[in-house]
Amino acid sequence: MSYEKVAGVSEIPKGSMRSVRVGNEEVMLANVDGKFYALRNRCTHVGGPLAKGKLSGYVVQCPWHGSKFDVRTGSVVGPPASAPEPTFEVKVENDAVMIKKPS
């Protein structure tokens, strides 16, 4: 499997997140203290756009109904969602943030 460049490191400052596209998948990319994490950008509760939510430490909160997920694992840390978010492998090469393409 290959990786796809989705952003430059400087485009996503610490404590921020944004939506990027990897193949046909919309992905939420977050920078927590200089380390990047990626989850599917569609809340497992009703499909809210996670990248438009709030990032607090390692937790992203969906803007629609407040579900919370750990960006490191995709696990649910606050309801109403009950299913975890799919995660994506992220690596940084030089100034490029790259996400592993889904198979």
PDB file of N, CA and C in Angstrom:
ATOM      1  N   MET A   1       0.837  -1.190   0.000  1.00  0.00           N
ATOM      2  CA  MET A   1       0.000   0.000   0.000  1.00  0.00           C
ATOM      3  C   MET A   1       0.872   1.239   0.000  1.00  0.00           C
ATOM      4  N   SER A   2       0.352   2.263  -0.649  1.00  0.00           N
ATOM      5  CA  SER A   2       1.147   3.473  -0.767  1.00  0.00           C
ATOM      6  C   SER A   2       0.551   4.601   0.072  1.00  0.00           C
ATOM      7  N   TYR A   3       1.369   5.620   0.246  1.00  0.00           N
ATOM      8  CA  TYR A   3       0.961   6.798   0.986  1.00  0.00           C
ATOM      9  C   TYR A   3       0.690   7.925   0.006  1.00  0.00           C
ATOM     10  N   GLU A   4      -0.213   8.810   0.395  1.00  0.00           N
ATOM     11  CA  GLU A   4      -0.546   9.961  -0.430  1.00  0.00           C
ATOM     12  C   GLU A   4      -0.274  11.231   0.366  1.00  0.00           C
ATOM     13  N   LYS A   5       0.435  12.191  -0.264  1.00  0.00           N
ATOM     14  CA  LYS A   5       0.680  13.472   0.403  1.00  0.00           C
ATOM     15  C   LYS A   5      -0.634  14.235   0.471  1.00  0.00           C
ATOM     16  N   VAL A   6      -0.988  14.701   1.677  1.00  0.00           N
ATOM     17  CA  VAL A   6      -2.251  15.411   1.857  1.00  0.00           C
ATOM     18  C   VAL A   6      -2.073  16.857   2.321  1.00  0.00           C
ATOM     19  N   ALA A   7      -0.901  17.182   2.855  1.00  0.00           N
ATOM     20  CA  ALA A   7      -0.672  18.539   3.362  1.00  0.00           C
ATOM     21  C   ALA A   7       0.799  18.728   3.673  1.00  0.00           C
ATOM     22  N   GLY A   8       1.181  19.980   3.839  1.00  0.00           N
ATOM     23  CA  GLY A   8       2.495  20.305   4.363  1.00  0.00           C
ATOM     24  C   GLY A   8       2.385  20.440   5.877  1.00  0.00           C
ATOM     25  N   VAL A   9       3.450  20.138   6.589  1.00  0.00           N
ATOM     26  CA  VAL A   9       3.438  20.217   8.057  1.00  0.00           C
ATOM     27  C   VAL A   9       2.974  21.592   8.530  1.00  0.00           C
ATOM     28  N   SER A  10       3.440  22.650   7.889  1.00  0.00           N
ATOM     29  CA  SER A  10       3.103  24.012   8.326  1.00  0.00           C
ATOM     30  C   SER A  10       1.645  24.383   8.061  1.00  0.00           C
ATOM     31  N   GLU A  11       0.943  23.620   7.228  1.00  0.00           N
ATOM     32  CA  GLU A  11      -0.453  23.922   6.913  1.00  0.00           C
ATOM     33  C   GLU A  11      -1.410  23.540   8.049  1.00  0.00           C
ATOM     34  N   ILE A  12      -0.952  22.677   8.953  1.00  0.00           N
ATOM     35  CA  ILE A  12      -1.804  22.224  10.048  1.00  0.00           C
ATOM     36  C   ILE A  12      -1.060  22.464  11.361  1.00  0.00           C
ATOM     37  N   PRO A  13      -1.219  23.663  11.942  1.00  0.00           N
ATOM     38  CA  PRO A  13      -0.506  23.993  13.176  1.00  0.00           C
ATOM     39  C   PRO A  13      -0.913  23.091  14.341  1.00  0.00           C
ATOM     40  N   LYS A  14      -0.061  23.037  15.353  1.00  0.00           N
ATOM     41  CA  LYS A  14      -0.376  22.251  16.560  1.00  0.00           C
ATOM     42  C   LYS A  14      -1.729  22.677  17.109  1.00  0.00           C
ATOM     43  N   GLY A  15      -2.526  21.685  17.500  1.00  0.00           N
ATOM     44  CA  GLY A  15      -3.831  21.952  18.087  1.00  0.00           C
ATOM     45  C   GLY A  15      -4.936  22.195  17.072  1.00  0.00           C
ATOM     46  N   SER A  16      -4.640  21.974  15.788  1.00  0.00           N
ATOM     47  CA  SER A  16      -5.659  22.207  14.772  1.00  0.00           C
ATOM     48  C   SER A  16      -5.929  20.932  13.974  1.00  0.00           C
ATOM     49  N   MET A  17      -6.962  20.989  13.161  1.00  0.00           N
ATOM     50  CA  MET A  17      -7.299  19.857  12.293  1.00  0.00           C
ATOM     51  C   MET A  17      -7.956  20.387  11.033  1.00  0.00           C
ATOM     52  N   ARG A  18      -7.976  19.517  10.024  1.00  0.00           N
ATOM     53  CA  ARG A  18      -8.639  19.883   8.784  1.00  0.00           C
ATOM     54  C   ARG A  18      -9.034  18.632   8.029  1.00  0.00           C
ATOM     55  N   SER A  19      -9.905  18.823   7.076  1.00  0.00           N
ATOM     56  CA  SER A  19     -10.375  17.723   6.241  1.00  0.00           C
ATOM     57  C   SER A  19      -9.469  17.607   5.020  1.00  0.00           C
ATOM     58  N   VAL A  20      -9.085  16.376   4.701  1.00  0.00           N
ATOM     59  CA  VAL A  20      -8.286  16.103   3.504  1.00  0.00           C
ATOM     60  C   VAL A  20      -8.908  14.893   2.802  1.00  0.00           C
ATOM     61  N   ARG A  21      -8.511  14.684   1.553  1.00  0.00           N
ATOM     62  CA  ARG A  21      -9.034  13.544   0.807  1.00  0.00           C
ATOM     63  C   ARG A  21      -7.904  12.575   0.509  1.00  0.00           C
ATOM     64  N   VAL A  22      -8.169  11.292   0.777  1.00  0.00           N
ATOM     65  CA  VAL A  22      -7.213  10.222   0.467  1.00  0.00           C
ATOM     66  C   VAL A  22      -7.983   9.209  -0.368  1.00  0.00           C
ATOM     67  N   GLY A  23      -7.641   9.138  -1.644  1.00  0.00           N
ATOM     68  CA  GLY A  23      -8.413   8.291  -2.539  1.00  0.00           C
ATOM     69  C   GLY A  23      -9.840   8.810  -2.575  1.00  0.00           C
ATOM     70  N   ASN A  24     -10.818   7.942  -2.304  1.00  0.00           N
ATOM     71  CA  ASN A  24     -12.223   8.346  -2.272  1.00  0.00           C
ATOM     72  C   ASN A  24     -12.711   8.662  -0.863  1.00  0.00           C
ATOM     73  N   GLU A  25     -11.808   8.659   0.110  1.00  0.00           N
ATOM     74  CA  GLU A  25     -12.180   8.813   1.518  1.00  0.00           C
ATOM     75  C   GLU A  25     -11.894  10.231   2.011  1.00  0.00           C
ATOM     76  N   GLU A  26     -12.864  10.823   2.715  1.00  0.00           N
ATOM     77  CA  GLU A  26     -12.634  12.106   3.370  1.00  0.00           C
ATOM     78  C   GLU A  26     -12.107  11.811   4.767  1.00  0.00           C
ATOM     79  N   VAL A  27     -10.970  12.424   5.102  1.00  0.00           N
ATOM     80  CA  VAL A  27     -10.248  12.107   6.320  1.00  0.00           C
ATOM     81  C   VAL A  27     -10.034  13.381   7.143  1.00  0.00           C
ATOM     82  N   MET A  28     -10.180  13.255   8.478  1.00  0.00           N
ATOM     83  CA  MET A  28      -9.883  14.346   9.392  1.00  0.00           C
ATOM     84  C   MET A  28      -8.434  14.175   9.848  1.00  0.00           C
ATOM     85  N   LEU A  29      -7.614  15.180   9.589  1.00  0.00           N
ATOM     86  CA  LEU A  29      -6.205  15.147   9.968  1.00  0.00           C
ATOM     87  C   LEU A  29      -6.000  16.131  11.119  1.00  0.00           C
ATOM     88  N   ALA A  30      -5.442  15.644  12.229  1.00  0.00           N
ATOM     89  CA  ALA A  30      -5.246  16.474  13.423  1.00  0.00           C
ATOM     90  C   ALA A  30      -3.767  16.512  13.801  1.00  0.00           C
ATOM     91  N   ASN A  31      -3.324  17.662  14.306  1.00  0.00           N
ATOM     92  CA  ASN A  31      -1.964  17.838  14.802  1.00  0.00           C
ATOM     93  C   ASN A  31      -2.049  18.057  16.309  1.00  0.00           C
ATOM     94  N   VAL A  32      -1.589  17.057  17.069  1.00  0.00           N
ATOM     95  CA  VAL A  32      -1.577  17.163  18.531  1.00  0.00           C
ATOM     96  C   VAL A  32      -0.114  17.191  18.970  1.00  0.00           C
ATOM     97  N   ASP A  33       0.333  18.353  19.419  1.00  0.00           N
ATOM     98  CA  ASP A  33       1.718  18.545  19.878  1.00  0.00           C
ATOM     99  C   ASP A  33       2.755  18.093  18.856  1.00  0.00           C
ATOM    100  N   GLY A  34       2.483  18.348  17.569  1.00  0.00           N
ATOM    101  CA  GLY A  34       3.449  18.038  16.525  1.00  0.00           C
ATOM    102  C   GLY A  34       3.344  16.637  15.954  1.00  0.00           C
ATOM    103  N   LYS A  35       2.451  15.817  16.483  1.00  0.00           N
ATOM    104  CA  LYS A  35       2.228  14.470  15.935  1.00  0.00           C
ATOM    105  C   LYS A  35       0.876  14.466  15.232  1.00  0.00           C
ATOM    106  N   PHE A  36       0.833  13.828  14.066  1.00  0.00           N
ATOM    107  CA  PHE A  36      -0.371  13.837  13.252  1.00  0.00           C
ATOM    108  C   PHE A  36      -1.155  12.537  13.395  1.00  0.00           C
ATOM    109  N   TYR A  37      -2.482  12.697  13.410  1.00  0.00           N
ATOM    110  CA  TYR A  37      -3.411  11.564  13.525  1.00  0.00           C
ATOM    111  C   TYR A  37      -4.505  11.742  12.481  1.00  0.00           C
ATOM    112  N   ALA A  38      -5.042  10.619  11.999  1.00  0.00           N
ATOM    113  CA  ALA A  38      -6.079  10.692  10.973  1.00  0.00           C
ATOM    114  C   ALA A  38      -7.214   9.714  11.281  1.00  0.00           C
ATOM    115  N   LEU A  39      -8.429  10.243  11.208  1.00  0.00           N
ATOM    116  CA  LEU A  39      -9.658   9.460  11.375  1.00  0.00           C
ATOM    117  C   LEU A  39     -10.551   9.728  10.168  1.00  0.00           C
ATOM    118  N   ARG A  40     -11.480   8.836   9.919  1.00  0.00           N
ATOM    119  CA  ARG A  40     -12.476   9.128   8.894  1.00  0.00           C
ATOM    120  C   ARG A  40     -13.221  10.378   9.336  1.00  0.00           C
ATOM    121  N   ASN A  41     -13.515  11.269   8.414  1.00  0.00           N
ATOM    122  CA  ASN A  41     -14.141  12.562   8.736  1.00  0.00           C
ATOM    123  C   ASN A  41     -15.667  12.476   8.694  1.00  0.00           C
ATOM    124  N   ARG A  42     -16.214  11.390   9.248  1.00  0.00           N
ATOM    125  CA  ARG A  42     -17.660  11.226   9.273  1.00  0.00           C
ATOM    126  C   ARG A  42     -18.005  10.515  10.575  1.00  0.00           C
ATOM    127  N   CYS A  43     -18.611  11.242  11.499  1.00  0.00           N
ATOM    128  CA  CYS A  43     -18.942  10.683  12.807  1.00  0.00           C
ATOM    129  C   CYS A  43     -19.761   9.407  12.653  1.00  0.00           C
ATOM    130  N   THR A  44     -19.438   8.394  13.458  1.00  0.00           N
ATOM    131  CA  THR A  44     -20.157   7.115  13.388  1.00  0.00           C
ATOM    132  C   THR A  44     -21.567   7.210  13.951  1.00  0.00           C
ATOM    133  N   HIS A  45     -21.911   8.331  14.577  1.00  0.00           N
ATOM    134  CA  HIS A  45     -23.263   8.499  15.121  1.00  0.00           C
ATOM    135  C   HIS A  45     -24.251   8.851  13.999  1.00  0.00           C
ATOM    136  N   VAL A  46     -24.100  10.034  13.377  1.00  0.00           N
ATOM    137  CA  VAL A  46     -25.010  10.451  12.305  1.00  0.00           C
ATOM    138  C   VAL A  46     -24.246  11.043  11.120  1.00  0.00           C
ATOM    139  N   GLY A  47     -22.931  10.931  11.102  1.00  0.00           N
ATOM    140  CA  GLY A  47     -22.157  11.379   9.945  1.00  0.00           C
ATOM    141  C   GLY A  47     -21.661  12.805   9.983  1.00  0.00           C
ATOM    142  N   GLY A  48     -21.643  13.430  11.150  1.00  0.00           N
ATOM    143  CA  GLY A  48     -21.157  14.809  11.263  1.00  0.00           C
ATOM    144  C   GLY A  48     -19.693  14.939  10.850  1.00  0.00           C
ATOM    145  N   PRO A  49     -19.303  16.114  10.323  1.00  0.00           N
ATOM    146  CA  PRO A  49     -17.928  16.353   9.869  1.00  0.00           C
ATOM    147  C   PRO A  49     -16.985  16.633  11.042  1.00  0.00           C
ATOM    148  N   LEU A  50     -16.212  15.647  11.439  1.00  0.00           N
ATOM    149  CA  LEU A  50     -15.350  15.787  12.626  1.00  0.00           C
ATOM    150  C   LEU A  50     -14.366  16.947  12.513  1.00  0.00           C
ATOM    151  N   ALA A  51     -13.843  17.215  11.320  1.00  0.00           N
ATOM    152  CA  ALA A  51     -12.856  18.284  11.153  1.00  0.00           C
ATOM    153  C   ALA A  51     -13.431  19.658  11.475  1.00  0.00           C
ATOM    154  N   LYS A  52     -14.765  19.775  11.503  1.00  0.00           N
ATOM    155  CA  LYS A  52     -15.402  21.050  11.857  1.00  0.00           C
ATOM    156  C   LYS A  52     -15.745  21.101  13.339  1.00  0.00           C
ATOM    157  N   GLY A  53     -15.366  20.063  14.059  1.00  0.00           N
ATOM    158  CA  GLY A  53     -15.625  19.997  15.495  1.00  0.00           C
ATOM    159  C   GLY A  53     -14.544  20.677  16.298  1.00  0.00           C
ATOM    160  N   LYS A  54     -14.407  20.235  17.553  1.00  0.00           N
ATOM    161  CA  LYS A  54     -13.456  20.855  18.481  1.00  0.00           C
ATOM    162  C   LYS A  54     -12.413  19.818  18.888  1.00  0.00           C
ATOM    163  N   LEU A  55     -11.147  20.221  18.854  1.00  0.00           N
ATOM    164  CA  LEU A  55     -10.047  19.360  19.264  1.00  0.00           C
ATOM    165  C   LEU A  55      -9.553  19.834  20.620  1.00  0.00           C
ATOM    166  N   SER A  56      -9.546  18.909  21.588  1.00  0.00           N
ATOM    167  CA  SER A  56      -9.062  19.227  22.927  1.00  0.00           C
ATOM    168  C   SER A  56      -8.112  18.107  23.336  1.00  0.00           C
ATOM    169  N   GLY A  57      -6.815  18.396  23.288  1.00  0.00           N
ATOM    170  CA  GLY A  57      -5.825  17.338  23.533  1.00  0.00           C
ATOM    171  C   GLY A  57      -5.963  16.271  22.468  1.00  0.00           C
ATOM    172  N   TYR A  58      -6.154  15.019  22.910  1.00  0.00           N
ATOM    173  CA  TYR A  58      -6.289  13.908  21.969  1.00  0.00           C
ATOM    174  C   TYR A  58      -7.744  13.587  21.636  1.00  0.00           C
ATOM    175  N   VAL A  59      -8.662  14.462  22.015  1.00  0.00           N
ATOM    176  CA  VAL A  59     -10.085  14.181  21.817  1.00  0.00           C
ATOM    177  C   VAL A  59     -10.699  15.167  20.829  1.00  0.00           C
ATOM    178  N   VAL A  60     -11.384  14.607  19.811  1.00  0.00           N
ATOM    179  CA  VAL A  60     -12.141  15.430  18.867  1.00  0.00           C
ATOM    180  C   VAL A  60     -13.615  15.262  19.194  1.00  0.00           C
ATOM    181  N   GLN A  61     -14.337  16.385  19.211  1.00  0.00           N
ATOM    182  CA  GLN A  61     -15.766  16.373  19.494  1.00  0.00           C
ATOM    183  C   GLN A  61     -16.530  16.733  18.227  1.00  0.00           C
ATOM    184  N   CYS A  62     -17.490  15.893  17.872  1.00  0.00           N
ATOM    185  CA  CYS A  62     -18.319  16.124  16.687  1.00  0.00           C
ATOM    186  C   CYS A  62     -19.154  17.393  16.885  1.00  0.00           C
ATOM    187  N   PRO A  63     -19.235  18.250  15.857  1.00  0.00           N
ATOM    188  CA  PRO A  63     -19.988  19.498  15.998  1.00  0.00           C
ATOM    189  C   PRO A  63     -21.506  19.300  16.009  1.00  0.00           C
ATOM    190  N   TRP A  64     -21.994  18.158  15.579  1.00  0.00           N
ATOM    191  CA  TRP A  64     -23.446  17.977  15.488  1.00  0.00           C
ATOM    192  C   TRP A  64     -24.091  17.556  16.801  1.00  0.00           C
ATOM    193  N   HIS A  65     -23.623  16.463  17.412  1.00  0.00           N
ATOM    194  CA  HIS A  65     -24.284  15.962  18.621  1.00  0.00           C
ATOM    195  C   HIS A  65     -23.324  15.728  19.788  1.00  0.00           C
ATOM    196  N   GLY A  66     -22.047  16.104  19.618  1.00  0.00           N
ATOM    197  CA  GLY A  66     -21.113  16.071  20.728  1.00  0.00           C
ATOM    198  C   GLY A  66     -20.390  14.762  20.989  1.00  0.00           C
ATOM    199  N   SER A  67     -20.522  13.779  20.091  1.00  0.00           N
ATOM    200  CA  SER A  67     -19.766  12.532  20.274  1.00  0.00           C
ATOM    201  C   SER A  67     -18.282  12.863  20.341  1.00  0.00           C
ATOM    202  N   LYS A  68     -17.542  12.093  21.143  1.00  0.00           N
ATOM    203  CA  LYS A  68     -16.107  12.351  21.304  1.00  0.00           C
ATOM    204  C   LYS A  68     -15.317  11.097  20.976  1.00  0.00           C
ATOM    205  N   PHE A  69     -14.182  11.294  20.270  1.00  0.00           N
ATOM    206  CA  PHE A  69     -13.322  10.198  19.845  1.00  0.00           C
ATOM    207  C   PHE A  69     -11.873  10.517  20.171  1.00  0.00           C
ATOM    208  N   ASP A  70     -11.106   9.489  20.528  1.00  0.00           N
ATOM    209  CA  ASP A  70      -9.665   9.619  20.740  1.00  0.00           C
ATOM    210  C   ASP A  70      -9.002   9.566  19.362  1.00  0.00           C
ATOM    211  N   VAL A  71      -8.289  10.624  18.991  1.00  0.00           N
ATOM    212  CA  VAL A  71      -7.683  10.674  17.651  1.00  0.00           C
ATOM    213  C   VAL A  71      -6.574   9.639  17.472  1.00  0.00           C
ATOM    214  N   ARG A  72      -6.017   9.130  18.574  1.00  0.00           N
ATOM    215  CA  ARG A  72      -4.938   8.144  18.474  1.00  0.00           C
ATOM    216  C   ARG A  72      -5.461   6.767  18.091  1.00  0.00           C
ATOM    217  N   THR A  73      -6.664   6.427  18.545  1.00  0.00           N
ATOM    218  CA  THR A  73      -7.179   5.066  18.360  1.00  0.00           C
ATOM    219  C   THR A  73      -8.515   5.006  17.636  1.00  0.00           C
ATOM    220  N   GLY A  74      -9.231   6.123  17.561  1.00  0.00           N
ATOM    221  CA  GLY A  74     -10.567   6.144  16.980  1.00  0.00           C
ATOM    222  C   GLY A  74     -11.647   5.715  17.951  1.00  0.00           C
ATOM    223  N   SER A  75     -11.259   5.335  19.182  1.00  0.00           N
ATOM    224  CA  SER A  75     -12.244   4.831  20.141  1.00  0.00           C
ATOM    225  C   SER A  75     -13.161   5.951  20.634  1.00  0.00           C
ATOM    226  N   VAL A  76     -14.396   5.563  20.957  1.00  0.00           N
ATOM    227  CA  VAL A  76     -15.396   6.503  21.475  1.00  0.00           C
ATOM    228  C   VAL A  76     -15.055   6.799  22.932  1.00  0.00           C
ATOM    229  N   VAL A  77     -14.979   8.087  23.274  1.00  0.00           N
ATOM    230  CA  VAL A  77     -14.750   8.484  24.664  1.00  0.00           C
ATOM    231  C   VAL A  77     -15.899   9.322  25.209  1.00  0.00           C
ATOM    232  N   GLY A  78     -16.922   9.563  24.377  1.00  0.00           N
ATOM    233  CA  GLY A  78     -18.109  10.286  24.823  1.00  0.00           C
ATOM    234  C   GLY A  78     -19.272  10.042  23.885  1.00  0.00           C
ATOM    235  N   PRO A  79     -20.464   9.753  24.448  1.00  0.00           N
ATOM    236  CA  PRO A  79     -21.644   9.463  23.633  1.00  0.00           C
ATOM    237  C   PRO A  79     -22.150  10.728  22.926  1.00  0.00           C
ATOM    238  N   PRO A  80     -23.084  10.589  21.988  1.00  0.00           N
ATOM    239  CA  PRO A  80     -23.939   9.434  21.743  1.00  0.00           C
ATOM    240  C   PRO A  80     -23.371   8.358  20.817  1.00  0.00           C
ATOM    241  N   ALA A  81     -22.255   8.583  20.151  1.00  0.00           N
ATOM    242  CA  ALA A  81     -21.693   7.540  19.274  1.00  0.00           C
ATOM    243  C   ALA A  81     -21.338   6.309  20.097  1.00  0.00           C
ATOM    244  N   SER A  82     -21.470   5.137  19.468  1.00  0.00           N
ATOM    245  CA  SER A  82     -21.084   3.903  20.157  1.00  0.00           C
ATOM    246  C   SER A  82     -20.057   3.115  19.341  1.00  0.00           C
ATOM    247  N   ALA A  83     -19.930   3.409  18.053  1.00  0.00           N
ATOM    248  CA  ALA A  83     -18.964   2.711  17.197  1.00  0.00           C
ATOM    249  C   ALA A  83     -17.706   3.562  17.027  1.00  0.00           C
ATOM    250  N   PRO A  84     -16.529   2.934  17.058  1.00  0.00           N
ATOM    251  CA  PRO A  84     -15.284   3.686  16.900  1.00  0.00           C
ATOM    252  C   PRO A  84     -15.114   4.213  15.472  1.00  0.00           C
ATOM    253  N   GLU A  85     -14.239   5.186  15.329  1.00  0.00           N
ATOM    254  CA  GLU A  85     -13.894   5.744  14.023  1.00  0.00           C
ATOM    255  C   GLU A  85     -12.754   4.946  13.406  1.00  0.00           C
ATOM    256  N   PRO A  86     -12.820   4.682  12.104  1.00  0.00           N
ATOM    257  CA  PRO A  86     -11.669   4.077  11.437  1.00  0.00           C
ATOM    258  C   PRO A  86     -10.489   5.053  11.456  1.00  0.00           C
ATOM    259  N   THR A  87      -9.292   4.527  11.664  1.00  0.00           N
ATOM    260  CA  THR A  87      -8.081   5.353  11.688  1.00  0.00           C
ATOM    261  C   THR A  87      -7.255   5.087  10.434  1.00  0.00           C
ATOM    262  N   PHE A  88      -6.350   5.999  10.148  1.00  0.00           N
ATOM    263  CA  PHE A  88      -5.447   5.884   9.003  1.00  0.00           C
ATOM    264  C   PHE A  88      -4.028   6.082   9.484  1.00  0.00           C
ATOM    265  N   GLU A  89      -3.090   5.349   8.898  1.00  0.00           N
ATOM    266  CA  GLU A  89      -1.675   5.535   9.236  1.00  0.00           C
ATOM    267  C   GLU A  89      -1.180   6.837   8.636  1.00  0.00           C
ATOM    268  N   VAL A  90      -0.400   7.571   9.438  1.00  0.00           N
ATOM    269  CA  VAL A  90       0.138   8.860   9.012  1.00  0.00           C
ATOM    270  C   VAL A  90       1.653   8.822   9.176  1.00  0.00           C
ATOM    271  N   LYS A  91       2.363   9.396   8.210  1.00  0.00           N
ATOM    272  CA  LYS A  91       3.811   9.577   8.363  1.00  0.00           C
ATOM    273  C   LYS A  91       4.179  10.940   7.809  1.00  0.00           C
ATOM    274  N   VAL A  92       5.306  11.448   8.295  1.00  0.00           N
ATOM    275  CA  VAL A  92       5.812  12.732   7.831  1.00  0.00           C
ATOM    276  C   VAL A  92       7.163  12.492   7.188  1.00  0.00           C
ATOM    277  N   GLU A  93       7.308  12.956   5.953  1.00  0.00           N
ATOM    278  CA  GLU A  93       8.591  12.899   5.249  1.00  0.00           C
ATOM    279  C   GLU A  93       8.938  14.300   4.818  1.00  0.00           C
ATOM    280  N   ASN A  94      10.102  14.780   5.267  1.00  0.00           N
ATOM    281  CA  ASN A  94      10.508  16.165   5.029  1.00  0.00           C
ATOM    282  C   ASN A  94       9.409  17.070   5.548  1.00  0.00           C
ATOM    283  N   ASP A  95       8.733  17.828   4.696  1.00  0.00           N
ATOM    284  CA  ASP A  95       7.653  18.723   5.139  1.00  0.00           C
ATOM    285  C   ASP A  95       6.287  18.188   4.709  1.00  0.00           C
ATOM    286  N   ALA A  96       6.222  16.939   4.253  1.00  0.00           N
ATOM    287  CA  ALA A  96       4.975  16.389   3.724  1.00  0.00           C
ATOM    288  C   ALA A  96       4.279  15.477   4.736  1.00  0.00           C
ATOM    289  N   VAL A  97       3.001  15.751   4.984  1.00  0.00           N
ATOM    290  CA  VAL A  97       2.184  14.857   5.807  1.00  0.00           C
ATOM    291  C   VAL A  97       1.529  13.888   4.838  1.00  0.00           C
ATOM    292  N   MET A  98       1.738  12.589   5.081  1.00  0.00           N
ATOM    293  CA  MET A  98       1.266  11.557   4.173  1.00  0.00           C
ATOM    294  C   MET A  98       0.369  10.571   4.908  1.00  0.00           C
ATOM    295  N   ILE A  99      -0.707  10.152   4.239  1.00  0.00           N
ATOM    296  CA  ILE A  99      -1.647   9.187   4.820  1.00  0.00           C
ATOM    297  C   ILE A  99      -1.668   7.958   3.931  1.00  0.00           C
ATOM    298  N   LYS A 100      -1.663   6.782   4.593  1.00  0.00           N
ATOM    299  CA  LYS A 100      -1.716   5.518   3.866  1.00  0.00           C
ATOM    300  C   LYS A 100      -3.072   5.384   3.189  1.00  0.00           C
ATOM    301  N   LYS A 101      -3.048   5.119   1.898  1.00  0.00           N
ATOM    302  CA  LYS A 101      -4.291   4.968   1.139  1.00  0.00           C
ATOM    303  C   LYS A 101      -5.039   3.715   1.597  1.00  0.00           C
ATOM    304  N   PRO A 102      -6.370   3.844   1.736  1.00  0.00           N
ATOM    305  CA  PRO A 102      -7.146   2.646   2.114  1.00  0.00           C
ATOM    306  C   PRO A 102      -7.125   1.630   0.979  1.00  0.00           C
ATOM    307  N   SER A 103      -7.197   0.356   1.346  1.00  0.00           N
ATOM    308  CA  SER A 103      -7.161  -0.680   0.316  1.00  0.00           C
ATOM    309  C   SER A 103      -8.535  -0.935  -0.269  1.00  0.00           C
TER     310      SER A 103
END
